[in-house]
């Protein structure tokens, strides 16, 4: 995970929150300025636990194989909400989510 430690580069970290609305591919602006290498999502209403996108996701997300909370992020946004299951894709109606994006 060389992107987590590189003393020659200043990395940008942004945070935010949103309320779920049961829509597919909902746009969440992240403000990092480049495609995030890691996004961590937490659901305030579901108790402890996080949904993770990035190179750590395959290692850390062992409780729900195939979970796709964040779809392909780009330079300005990440996307949540999969019509097959909004709860498992970080956009359940009226749920409160908070996120952190790492450049």
PDB file of N, CA and C in Angstrom:
ATOM      1  N   UNK A   1       0.831  -1.173   0.000  1.00  0.00           N
ATOM      2  CA  UNK A   1       0.000   0.000   0.000  1.00  0.00           C
ATOM      3  C   UNK A   1       0.882   1.243   0.000  1.00  0.00           C
ATOM      4  N   UNK A   2       1.656   1.436  -1.009  1.00  0.00           N
ATOM      5  CA  UNK A   2       2.587   2.555  -1.044  1.00  0.00           C
ATOM      6  C   UNK A   2       1.884   3.908  -1.038  1.00  0.00           C
ATOM      7  N   UNK A   3       0.617   3.976  -1.489  1.00  0.00           N
ATOM      8  CA  UNK A   3      -0.062   5.265  -1.486  1.00  0.00           C
ATOM      9  C   UNK A   3      -0.371   5.752  -0.075  1.00  0.00           C
ATOM     10  N   UNK A   4      -0.339   4.874   0.919  1.00  0.00           N
ATOM     11  CA  UNK A   4      -0.613   5.295   2.287  1.00  0.00           C
ATOM     12  C   UNK A   4       0.594   5.949   2.946  1.00  0.00           C
ATOM     13  N   UNK A   5       1.788   5.670   2.448  1.00  0.00           N
ATOM     14  CA  UNK A   5       2.975   6.307   3.005  1.00  0.00           C
ATOM     15  C   UNK A   5       3.882   6.734   1.866  1.00  0.00           C
ATOM     16  N   UNK A   6       3.947   8.003   1.640  1.00  0.00           N
ATOM     17  CA  UNK A   6       4.836   8.565   0.642  1.00  0.00           C
ATOM     18  C   UNK A   6       5.181   9.970   1.120  1.00  0.00           C
ATOM     19  N   UNK A   7       6.290  10.124   1.842  1.00  0.00           N
ATOM     20  CA  UNK A   7       6.600  11.416   2.447  1.00  0.00           C
ATOM     21  C   UNK A   7       6.810  12.540   1.437  1.00  0.00           C
ATOM     22  N   UNK A   8       7.007  12.224   0.167  1.00  0.00           N
ATOM     23  CA  UNK A   8       7.226  13.254  -0.836  1.00  0.00           C
ATOM     24  C   UNK A   8       5.947  13.801  -1.444  1.00  0.00           C
ATOM     25  N   UNK A   9       4.799  13.304  -1.044  1.00  0.00           N
ATOM     26  CA  UNK A   9       3.532  13.734  -1.645  1.00  0.00           C
ATOM     27  C   UNK A   9       2.535  14.096  -0.558  1.00  0.00           C
ATOM     28  N   UNK A  10       1.836  15.196  -0.774  1.00  0.00           N
ATOM     29  CA  UNK A  10       0.757  15.581   0.138  1.00  0.00           C
ATOM     30  C   UNK A  10      -0.545  15.018  -0.414  1.00  0.00           C
ATOM     31  N   UNK A  11      -1.170  14.133   0.325  1.00  0.00           N
ATOM     32  CA  UNK A  11      -2.416  13.521  -0.115  1.00  0.00           C
ATOM     33  C   UNK A  11      -3.605  14.311   0.413  1.00  0.00           C
ATOM     34  N   UNK A  12      -4.668  14.310  -0.358  1.00  0.00           N
ATOM     35  CA  UNK A  12      -5.869  15.023   0.050  1.00  0.00           C
ATOM     36  C   UNK A  12      -6.891  14.023   0.574  1.00  0.00           C
ATOM     37  N   UNK A  13      -7.531  14.383   1.678  1.00  0.00           N
ATOM     38  CA  UNK A  13      -8.577  13.572   2.277  1.00  0.00           C
ATOM     39  C   UNK A  13      -9.803  14.459   2.431  1.00  0.00           C
ATOM     40  N   UNK A  14     -10.965  13.977   1.993  1.00  0.00           N
ATOM     41  CA  UNK A  14     -12.200  14.736   2.143  1.00  0.00           C
ATOM     42  C   UNK A  14     -13.240  13.872   2.835  1.00  0.00           C
ATOM     43  N   UNK A  15     -14.189  14.526   3.472  1.00  0.00           N
ATOM     44  CA  UNK A  15     -15.264  13.807   4.150  1.00  0.00           C
ATOM     45  C   UNK A  15     -16.602  14.455   3.813  1.00  0.00           C
ATOM     46  N   UNK A  16     -17.654  13.705   4.023  1.00  0.00           N
ATOM     47  CA  UNK A  16     -18.990  14.246   3.798  1.00  0.00           C
ATOM     48  C   UNK A  16     -20.046  13.289   4.293  1.00  0.00           C
ATOM     49  N   UNK A  17     -21.286  13.639   4.053  1.00  0.00           N
ATOM     50  CA  UNK A  17     -22.392  12.766   4.431  1.00  0.00           C
ATOM     51  C   UNK A  17     -23.563  13.004   3.489  1.00  0.00           C
ATOM     52  N   UNK A  18     -24.503  12.076   3.501  1.00  0.00           N
ATOM     53  CA  UNK A  18     -25.720  12.180   2.704  1.00  0.00           C
ATOM     54  C   UNK A  18     -26.773  11.272   3.305  1.00  0.00           C
ATOM     55  N   UNK A  19     -28.019  11.509   2.925  1.00  0.00           N
ATOM     56  CA  UNK A  19     -29.136  10.660   3.338  1.00  0.00           C
ATOM     57  C   UNK A  19     -29.555   9.827   2.142  1.00  0.00           C
ATOM     58  N   UNK A  20     -29.663   8.510   2.317  1.00  0.00           N
ATOM     59  CA  UNK A  20     -30.029   7.609   1.235  1.00  0.00           C
ATOM     60  C   UNK A  20     -31.412   7.906   0.674  1.00  0.00           C
ATOM     61  N   UNK A  21     -31.588   7.590  -0.622  1.00  0.00           N
ATOM     62  CA  UNK A  21     -32.871   7.865  -1.275  1.00  0.00           C
ATOM     63  C   UNK A  21     -33.348   6.763  -2.224  1.00  0.00           C
ATOM     64  N   UNK A  22     -32.786   5.546  -2.104  1.00  0.00           N
ATOM     65  CA  UNK A  22     -33.208   4.411  -2.936  1.00  0.00           C
ATOM     66  C   UNK A  22     -33.169   4.715  -4.423  1.00  0.00           C
ATOM     67  N   UNK A  23     -32.084   5.326  -4.897  1.00  0.00           N
ATOM     68  CA  UNK A  23     -31.909   5.523  -6.329  1.00  0.00           C
ATOM     69  C   UNK A  23     -30.639   4.812  -6.775  1.00  0.00           C
ATOM     70  N   UNK A  24     -30.616   4.420  -8.026  1.00  0.00           N
ATOM     71  CA  UNK A  24     -29.450   3.738  -8.590  1.00  0.00           C
ATOM     72  C   UNK A  24     -28.433   4.761  -9.084  1.00  0.00           C
ATOM     73  N   UNK A  25     -27.168   4.428  -8.915  1.00  0.00           N
ATOM     74  CA  UNK A  25     -26.064   5.245  -9.407  1.00  0.00           C
ATOM     75  C   UNK A  25     -26.148   6.701  -8.964  1.00  0.00           C
ATOM     76  N   UNK A  26     -26.469   6.905  -7.712  1.00  0.00           N
ATOM     77  CA  UNK A  26     -26.540   8.265  -7.165  1.00  0.00           C
ATOM     78  C   UNK A  26     -25.151   8.893  -7.142  1.00  0.00           C
ATOM     79  N   UNK A  27     -25.065  10.127  -7.579  1.00  0.00           N
ATOM     80  CA  UNK A  27     -23.807  10.854  -7.661  1.00  0.00           C
ATOM     81  C   UNK A  27     -23.492  11.510  -6.313  1.00  0.00           C
ATOM     82  N   UNK A  28     -22.284  11.247  -5.795  1.00  0.00           N
ATOM     83  CA  UNK A  28     -21.801  11.886  -4.576  1.00  0.00           C
ATOM     84  C   UNK A  28     -20.484  12.593  -4.930  1.00  0.00           C
ATOM     85  N   UNK A  29     -20.456  13.923  -4.959  1.00  0.00           N
ATOM     86  CA  UNK A  29     -19.200  14.632  -5.226  1.00  0.00           C
ATOM     87  C   UNK A  29     -18.224  14.441  -4.062  1.00  0.00           C
ATOM     88  N   UNK A  30     -16.966  14.100  -4.380  1.00  0.00           N
ATOM     89  CA  UNK A  30     -16.012  13.821  -3.306  1.00  0.00           C
ATOM     90  C   UNK A  30     -15.019  14.958  -3.063  1.00  0.00           C
ATOM     91  N   UNK A  31     -14.752  15.802  -4.019  1.00  0.00           N
ATOM     92  CA  UNK A  31     -13.882  16.954  -3.820  1.00  0.00           C
ATOM     93  C   UNK A  31     -12.406  16.675  -3.657  1.00  0.00           C
ATOM     94  N   UNK A  32     -11.958  15.464  -3.957  1.00  0.00           N
ATOM     95  CA  UNK A  32     -10.545  15.127  -3.801  1.00  0.00           C
ATOM     96  C   UNK A  32      -9.698  15.774  -4.899  1.00  0.00           C
ATOM     97  N   UNK A  33     -10.264  15.934  -6.087  1.00  0.00           N
ATOM     98  CA  UNK A  33      -9.520  16.538  -7.187  1.00  0.00           C
ATOM     99  C   UNK A  33      -8.883  15.535  -8.120  1.00  0.00           C
ATOM    100  N   UNK A  34      -8.920  14.264  -7.756  1.00  0.00           N
ATOM    101  CA  UNK A  34      -8.464  13.162  -8.601  1.00  0.00           C
ATOM    102  C   UNK A  34      -9.278  11.938  -8.199  1.00  0.00           C
ATOM    103  N   UNK A  35      -9.136  10.863  -8.929  1.00  0.00           N
ATOM    104  CA  UNK A  35      -9.879   9.661  -8.592  1.00  0.00           C
ATOM    105  C   UNK A  35      -9.390   9.119  -7.250  1.00  0.00           C
ATOM    106  N   UNK A  36     -10.281   8.961  -6.270  1.00  0.00           N
ATOM    107  CA  UNK A  36      -9.851   8.460  -4.958  1.00  0.00           C
ATOM    108  C   UNK A  36      -9.291   7.047  -5.046  1.00  0.00           C
ATOM    109  N   UNK A  37      -8.282   6.797  -4.245  1.00  0.00           N
ATOM    110  CA  UNK A  37      -7.721   5.453  -4.159  1.00  0.00           C
ATOM    111  C   UNK A  37      -8.450   4.620  -3.126  1.00  0.00           C
ATOM    112  N   UNK A  38      -9.140   5.300  -2.208  1.00  0.00           N
ATOM    113  CA  UNK A  38      -9.858   4.598  -1.157  1.00  0.00           C
ATOM    114  C   UNK A  38     -11.047   5.448  -0.720  1.00  0.00           C
ATOM    115  N   UNK A  39     -12.216   4.824  -0.601  1.00  0.00           N
ATOM    116  CA  UNK A  39     -13.410   5.474  -0.063  1.00  0.00           C
ATOM    117  C   UNK A  39     -13.961   4.567   1.024  1.00  0.00           C
ATOM    118  N   UNK A  40     -14.200   5.139   2.195  1.00  0.00           N
ATOM    119  CA  UNK A  40     -14.788   4.388   3.301  1.00  0.00           C
ATOM    120  C   UNK A  40     -16.142   5.012   3.610  1.00  0.00           C
ATOM    121  N   UNK A  41     -17.181   4.190   3.625  1.00  0.00           N
ATOM    122  CA  UNK A  41     -18.543   4.632   3.900  1.00  0.00           C
ATOM    123  C   UNK A  41     -19.028   4.009   5.193  1.00  0.00           C
ATOM    124  N   UNK A  42     -19.701   4.782   6.000  1.00  0.00           N
ATOM    125  CA  UNK A  42     -20.325   4.267   7.208  1.00  0.00           C
ATOM    126  C   UNK A  42     -21.798   4.610   7.204  1.00  0.00           C
ATOM    127  N   UNK A  43     -22.628   3.702   7.725  1.00  0.00           N
ATOM    128  CA  UNK A  43     -24.064   3.925   7.817  1.00  0.00           C
ATOM    129  C   UNK A  43     -24.400   4.151   9.281  1.00  0.00           C
ATOM    130  N   UNK A  44     -24.786   5.373   9.633  1.00  0.00           N
ATOM    131  CA  UNK A  44     -25.097   5.703  11.023  1.00  0.00           C
ATOM    132  C   UNK A  44     -26.238   4.862  11.582  1.00  0.00           C
ATOM    133  N   UNK A  45     -27.139   4.408  10.730  1.00  0.00           N
ATOM    134  CA  UNK A  45     -28.329   3.698  11.170  1.00  0.00           C
ATOM    135  C   UNK A  45     -28.133   2.185  11.304  1.00  0.00           C
ATOM    136  N   UNK A  46     -27.023   1.668  10.811  1.00  0.00           N
ATOM    137  CA  UNK A  46     -26.837   0.220  10.784  1.00  0.00           C
ATOM    138  C   UNK A  46     -25.863  -0.272  11.844  1.00  0.00           C
ATOM    139  N   UNK A  47     -25.436   0.598  12.726  1.00  0.00           N
ATOM    140  CA  UNK A  47     -24.497   0.175  13.759  1.00  0.00           C
ATOM    141  C   UNK A  47     -23.081   0.114  13.231  1.00  0.00           C
ATOM    142  N   UNK A  48     -22.185  -0.562  13.944  1.00  0.00           N
ATOM    143  CA  UNK A  48     -20.784  -0.585  13.537  1.00  0.00           C
ATOM    144  C   UNK A  48     -20.600  -1.282  12.197  1.00  0.00           C
ATOM    145  N   UNK A  49     -19.647  -0.818  11.451  1.00  0.00           N
ATOM    146  CA  UNK A  49     -19.313  -1.434  10.176  1.00  0.00           C
ATOM    147  C   UNK A  49     -19.130  -0.395   9.107  1.00  0.00           C
ATOM    148  N   UNK A  50     -18.320  -0.718   8.112  1.00  0.00           N
ATOM    149  CA  UNK A  50     -18.024   0.194   7.024  1.00  0.00           C
ATOM    150  C   UNK A  50     -18.065  -0.547   5.715  1.00  0.00           C
ATOM    151  N   UNK A  51     -18.392   0.182   4.666  1.00  0.00           N
ATOM    152  CA  UNK A  51     -18.311  -0.325   3.300  1.00  0.00           C
ATOM    153  C   UNK A  51     -17.089   0.333   2.682  1.00  0.00           C
ATOM    154  N   UNK A  52     -16.246  -0.436   2.042  1.00  0.00           N
ATOM    155  CA  UNK A  52     -14.963   0.079   1.587  1.00  0.00           C
ATOM    156  C   UNK A  52     -14.818  -0.138   0.090  1.00  0.00           C
ATOM    157  N   UNK A  53     -14.357   0.898  -0.616  1.00  0.00           N
ATOM    158  CA  UNK A  53     -13.994   0.754  -2.013  1.00  0.00           C
ATOM    159  C   UNK A  53     -12.531   1.121  -2.148  1.00  0.00           C
ATOM    160  N   UNK A  54     -11.816   0.381  -2.934  1.00  0.00           N
ATOM    161  CA  UNK A  54     -10.408   0.679  -3.167  1.00  0.00           C
ATOM    162  C   UNK A  54      -9.615  -0.610  -3.110  1.00  0.00           C
ATOM    163  N   UNK A  55      -8.310  -0.505  -3.130  1.00  0.00           N
ATOM    164  CA  UNK A  55      -7.473  -1.693  -3.184  1.00  0.00           C
ATOM    165  C   UNK A  55      -7.561  -2.530  -1.915  1.00  0.00           C
ATOM    166  N   UNK A  56      -8.025  -1.949  -0.809  1.00  0.00           N
ATOM    167  CA  UNK A  56      -8.191  -2.724   0.423  1.00  0.00           C
ATOM    168  C   UNK A  56      -9.525  -3.462   0.475  1.00  0.00           C
ATOM    169  N   UNK A  57     -10.461  -3.120  -0.395  1.00  0.00           N
ATOM    170  CA  UNK A  57     -11.816  -3.648  -0.303  1.00  0.00           C
ATOM    171  C   UNK A  57     -11.863  -5.173  -0.362  1.00  0.00           C
ATOM    172  N   UNK A  58     -11.133  -5.764  -1.270  1.00  0.00           N
ATOM    173  CA  UNK A  58     -11.181  -7.215  -1.421  1.00  0.00           C
ATOM    174  C   UNK A  58     -10.650  -7.929  -0.182  1.00  0.00           C
ATOM    175  N   UNK A  59      -9.723  -7.314   0.504  1.00  0.00           N
ATOM    176  CA  UNK A  59      -9.147  -7.920   1.699  1.00  0.00           C
ATOM    177  C   UNK A  59     -10.058  -7.723   2.908  1.00  0.00           C
ATOM    178  N   UNK A  60     -10.576  -6.516   3.095  1.00  0.00           N
ATOM    179  CA  UNK A  60     -11.307  -6.190   4.312  1.00  0.00           C
ATOM    180  C   UNK A  60     -12.788  -6.527   4.274  1.00  0.00           C
ATOM    181  N   UNK A  61     -13.372  -6.613   3.105  1.00  0.00           N
ATOM    182  CA  UNK A  61     -14.808  -6.857   3.010  1.00  0.00           C
ATOM    183  C   UNK A  61     -15.076  -8.345   2.826  1.00  0.00           C
ATOM    184  N   UNK A  62     -14.894  -9.104   3.881  1.00  0.00           N
ATOM    185  CA  UNK A  62     -15.092 -10.544   3.800  1.00  0.00           C
ATOM    186  C   UNK A  62     -16.474 -10.964   4.276  1.00  0.00           C
ATOM    187  N   UNK A  63     -17.204 -10.086   4.954  1.00  0.00           N
ATOM    188  CA  UNK A  63     -18.509 -10.470   5.491  1.00  0.00           C
ATOM    189  C   UNK A  63     -19.606 -10.471   4.434  1.00  0.00           C
ATOM    190  N   UNK A  64     -19.454  -9.687   3.390  1.00  0.00           N
ATOM    191  CA  UNK A  64     -20.462  -9.633   2.331  1.00  0.00           C
ATOM    192  C   UNK A  64     -19.773  -9.712   0.978  1.00  0.00           C
ATOM    193  N   UNK A  65     -19.362 -10.907   0.553  1.00  0.00           N
ATOM    194  CA  UNK A  65     -18.699 -11.028  -0.743  1.00  0.00           C
ATOM    195  C   UNK A  65     -19.600 -10.493  -1.857  1.00  0.00           C
ATOM    196  N   UNK A  66     -18.992  -9.791  -2.801  1.00  0.00           N
ATOM    197  CA  UNK A  66     -19.737  -9.248  -3.924  1.00  0.00           C
ATOM    198  C   UNK A  66     -20.390  -7.909  -3.641  1.00  0.00           C
ATOM    199  N   UNK A  67     -20.256  -7.398  -2.426  1.00  0.00           N
ATOM    200  CA  UNK A  67     -20.831  -6.102  -2.094  1.00  0.00           C
ATOM    201  C   UNK A  67     -20.213  -5.041  -2.987  1.00  0.00           C
ATOM    202  N   UNK A  68     -21.054  -4.222  -3.578  1.00  0.00           N
ATOM    203  CA  UNK A  68     -20.556  -3.170  -4.457  1.00  0.00           C
ATOM    204  C   UNK A  68     -21.148  -1.848  -4.003  1.00  0.00           C
ATOM    205  N   UNK A  69     -20.647  -1.332  -2.891  1.00  0.00           N
ATOM    206  CA  UNK A  69     -21.199  -0.112  -2.313  1.00  0.00           C
ATOM    207  C   UNK A  69     -20.896   1.106  -3.164  1.00  0.00           C
ATOM    208  N   UNK A  70     -19.722   1.165  -3.723  1.00  0.00           N
ATOM    209  CA  UNK A  70     -19.324   2.303  -4.537  1.00  0.00           C
ATOM    210  C   UNK A  70     -18.984   1.795  -5.919  1.00  0.00           C
ATOM    211  N   UNK A  71     -19.642   2.360  -6.927  1.00  0.00           N
ATOM    212  CA  UNK A  71     -19.290   1.990  -8.285  1.00  0.00           C
ATOM    213  C   UNK A  71     -18.210   2.936  -8.786  1.00  0.00           C
ATOM    214  N   UNK A  72     -17.579   2.587  -9.827  1.00  0.00           N
ATOM    215  CA  UNK A  72     -16.417   3.256 -10.378  1.00  0.00           C
ATOM    216  C   UNK A  72     -16.365   4.760 -10.091  1.00  0.00           C
ATOM    217  N   UNK A  73     -15.490   5.186  -9.167  1.00  0.00           N
ATOM    218  CA  UNK A  73     -15.356   6.616  -8.912  1.00  0.00           C
ATOM    219  C   UNK A  73     -14.577   7.283 -10.038  1.00  0.00           C
ATOM    220  N   UNK A  74     -14.763   8.575 -10.190  1.00  0.00           N
ATOM    221  CA  UNK A  74     -14.002   9.323 -11.176  1.00  0.00           C
ATOM    222  C   UNK A  74     -13.382  10.541 -10.503  1.00  0.00           C
ATOM    223  N   UNK A  75     -12.888  11.477 -11.279  1.00  0.00           N
ATOM    224  CA  UNK A  75     -12.162  12.624 -10.759  1.00  0.00           C
ATOM    225  C   UNK A  75     -13.031  13.511  -9.870  1.00  0.00           C
ATOM    226  N   UNK A  76     -14.333  13.553 -10.097  1.00  0.00           N
ATOM    227  CA  UNK A  76     -15.187  14.455  -9.327  1.00  0.00           C
ATOM    228  C   UNK A  76     -16.214  13.765  -8.431  1.00  0.00           C
ATOM    229  N   UNK A  77     -16.596  12.526  -8.719  1.00  0.00           N
ATOM    230  CA  UNK A  77     -17.697  11.871  -7.999  1.00  0.00           C
ATOM    231  C   UNK A  77     -17.407  10.419  -7.694  1.00  0.00           C
ATOM    232  N   UNK A  78     -18.155   9.878  -6.734  1.00  0.00           N
ATOM    233  CA  UNK A  78     -18.322   8.436  -6.643  1.00  0.00           C
ATOM    234  C   UNK A  78     -19.823   8.180  -6.682  1.00  0.00           C
ATOM    235  N   UNK A  79     -20.203   6.938  -6.900  1.00  0.00           N
ATOM    236  CA  UNK A  79     -21.606   6.612  -7.153  1.00  0.00           C
ATOM    237  C   UNK A  79     -22.046   5.498  -6.210  1.00  0.00           C
ATOM    238  N   UNK A  80     -23.226   5.639  -5.639  1.00  0.00           N
ATOM    239  CA  UNK A  80     -23.780   4.624  -4.752  1.00  0.00           C
ATOM    240  C   UNK A  80     -25.171   4.244  -5.245  1.00  0.00           C
ATOM    241  N   UNK A  81     -25.663   3.115  -4.785  1.00  0.00           N
ATOM    242  CA  UNK A  81     -27.015   2.689  -5.134  1.00  0.00           C
ATOM    243  C   UNK A  81     -27.038   1.685  -6.268  1.00  0.00           C
ATOM    244  N   UNK A  82     -27.364   0.454  -5.924  1.00  0.00           N
ATOM    245  CA  UNK A  82     -27.554  -0.612  -6.895  1.00  0.00           C
ATOM    246  C   UNK A  82     -28.991  -1.077  -6.724  1.00  0.00           C
ATOM    247  N   UNK A  83     -29.770  -1.048  -7.799  1.00  0.00           N
ATOM    248  CA  UNK A  83     -31.196  -1.360  -7.723  1.00  0.00           C
ATOM    249  C   UNK A  83     -31.472  -2.748  -7.160  1.00  0.00           C
ATOM    250  N   UNK A  84     -30.507  -3.662  -7.234  1.00  0.00           N
ATOM    251  CA  UNK A  84     -30.711  -5.005  -6.698  1.00  0.00           C
ATOM    252  C   UNK A  84     -30.837  -4.987  -5.176  1.00  0.00           C
ATOM    253  N   UNK A  85     -30.164  -4.044  -4.511  1.00  0.00           N
ATOM    254  CA  UNK A  85     -30.239  -3.954  -3.057  1.00  0.00           C
ATOM    255  C   UNK A  85     -29.649  -2.616  -2.604  1.00  0.00           C
ATOM    256  N   UNK A  86     -30.505  -1.640  -2.342  1.00  0.00           N
ATOM    257  CA  UNK A  86     -30.028  -0.322  -1.944  1.00  0.00           C
ATOM    258  C   UNK A  86     -29.347  -0.338  -0.581  1.00  0.00           C
ATOM    259  N   UNK A  87     -29.788  -1.197   0.318  1.00  0.00           N
ATOM    260  CA  UNK A  87     -29.154  -1.264   1.642  1.00  0.00           C
ATOM    261  C   UNK A  87     -27.702  -1.697   1.542  1.00  0.00           C
ATOM    262  N   UNK A  88     -27.412  -2.690   0.702  1.00  0.00           N
ATOM    263  CA  UNK A  88     -26.047  -3.187   0.564  1.00  0.00           C
ATOM    264  C   UNK A  88     -25.222  -2.362  -0.406  1.00  0.00           C
ATOM    265  N   UNK A  89     -25.813  -1.346  -0.996  1.00  0.00           N
ATOM    266  CA  UNK A  89     -25.062  -0.506  -1.926  1.00  0.00           C
ATOM    267  C   UNK A  89     -25.062   0.956  -1.480  1.00  0.00           C
ATOM    268  N   UNK A  90     -25.209   1.164  -0.186  1.00  0.00           N
ATOM    269  CA  UNK A  90     -25.019   2.463   0.471  1.00  0.00           C
ATOM    270  C   UNK A  90     -25.957   3.559  -0.001  1.00  0.00           C
ATOM    271  N   UNK A  91     -27.221   3.200  -0.258  1.00  0.00           N
ATOM    272  CA  UNK A  91     -28.192   4.233  -0.601  1.00  0.00           C
ATOM    273  C   UNK A  91     -29.602   3.847  -0.158  1.00  0.00           C
ATOM    274  N   UNK A  92     -29.735   3.217   0.996  1.00  0.00           N
ATOM    275  CA  UNK A  92     -31.049   2.833   1.516  1.00  0.00           C
ATOM    276  C   UNK A  92     -31.835   4.081   1.902  1.00  0.00           C
ATOM    277  N   UNK A  93     -33.089   4.113   1.558  1.00  0.00           N
ATOM    278  CA  UNK A  93     -33.936   5.273   1.811  1.00  0.00           C
ATOM    279  C   UNK A  93     -33.893   5.701   3.278  1.00  0.00           C
ATOM    280  N   UNK A  94     -33.665   6.983   3.512  1.00  0.00           N
ATOM    281  CA  UNK A  94     -33.667   7.638   4.822  1.00  0.00           C
ATOM    282  C   UNK A  94     -32.514   7.217   5.741  1.00  0.00           C
ATOM    283  N   UNK A  95     -31.586   6.380   5.272  1.00  0.00           N
ATOM    284  CA  UNK A  95     -30.410   6.042   6.083  1.00  0.00           C
ATOM    285  C   UNK A  95     -29.387   7.157   5.978  1.00  0.00           C
ATOM    286  N   UNK A  96     -28.692   7.395   7.063  1.00  0.00           N
ATOM    287  CA  UNK A  96     -27.669   8.442   7.103  1.00  0.00           C
ATOM    288  C   UNK A  96     -26.288   7.834   6.919  1.00  0.00           C
ATOM    289  N   UNK A  97     -25.573   8.307   5.911  1.00  0.00           N
ATOM    290  CA  UNK A  97     -24.245   7.796   5.584  1.00  0.00           C
ATOM    291  C   UNK A  97     -23.204   8.892   5.769  1.00  0.00           C
ATOM    292  N   UNK A  98     -22.015   8.501   6.158  1.00  0.00           N
ATOM    293  CA  UNK A  98     -20.876   9.411   6.162  1.00  0.00           C
ATOM    294  C   UNK A  98     -19.747   8.714   5.424  1.00  0.00           C
ATOM    295  N   UNK A  99     -18.890   9.489   4.802  1.00  0.00           N
ATOM    296  CA  UNK A  99     -17.836   8.919   3.978  1.00  0.00           C
ATOM    297  C   UNK A  99     -16.540   9.710   4.126  1.00  0.00           C
ATOM    298  N   UNK A 100     -15.454   9.031   3.799  1.00  0.00           N
ATOM    299  CA  UNK A 100     -14.125   9.649   3.727  1.00  0.00           C
ATOM    300  C   UNK A 100     -13.470   9.144   2.445  1.00  0.00           C
ATOM    301  N   UNK A 101     -12.967  10.071   1.636  1.00  0.00           N
ATOM    302  CA  UNK A 101     -12.283   9.718   0.391  1.00  0.00           C
ATOM    303  C   UNK A 101     -10.808  10.113   0.505  1.00  0.00           C
ATOM    304  N   UNK A 102      -9.933   9.217   0.057  1.00  0.00           N
ATOM    305  CA  UNK A 102      -8.481   9.428   0.111  1.00  0.00           C
ATOM    306  C   UNK A 102      -7.951   9.479  -1.301  1.00  0.00           C
ATOM    307  N   UNK A 103      -7.178  10.526  -1.600  1.00  0.00           N
ATOM    308  CA  UNK A 103      -6.561  10.665  -2.923  1.00  0.00           C
ATOM    309  C   UNK A 103      -5.516   9.586  -3.098  1.00  0.00           C
TER     310      UNK A 103
END
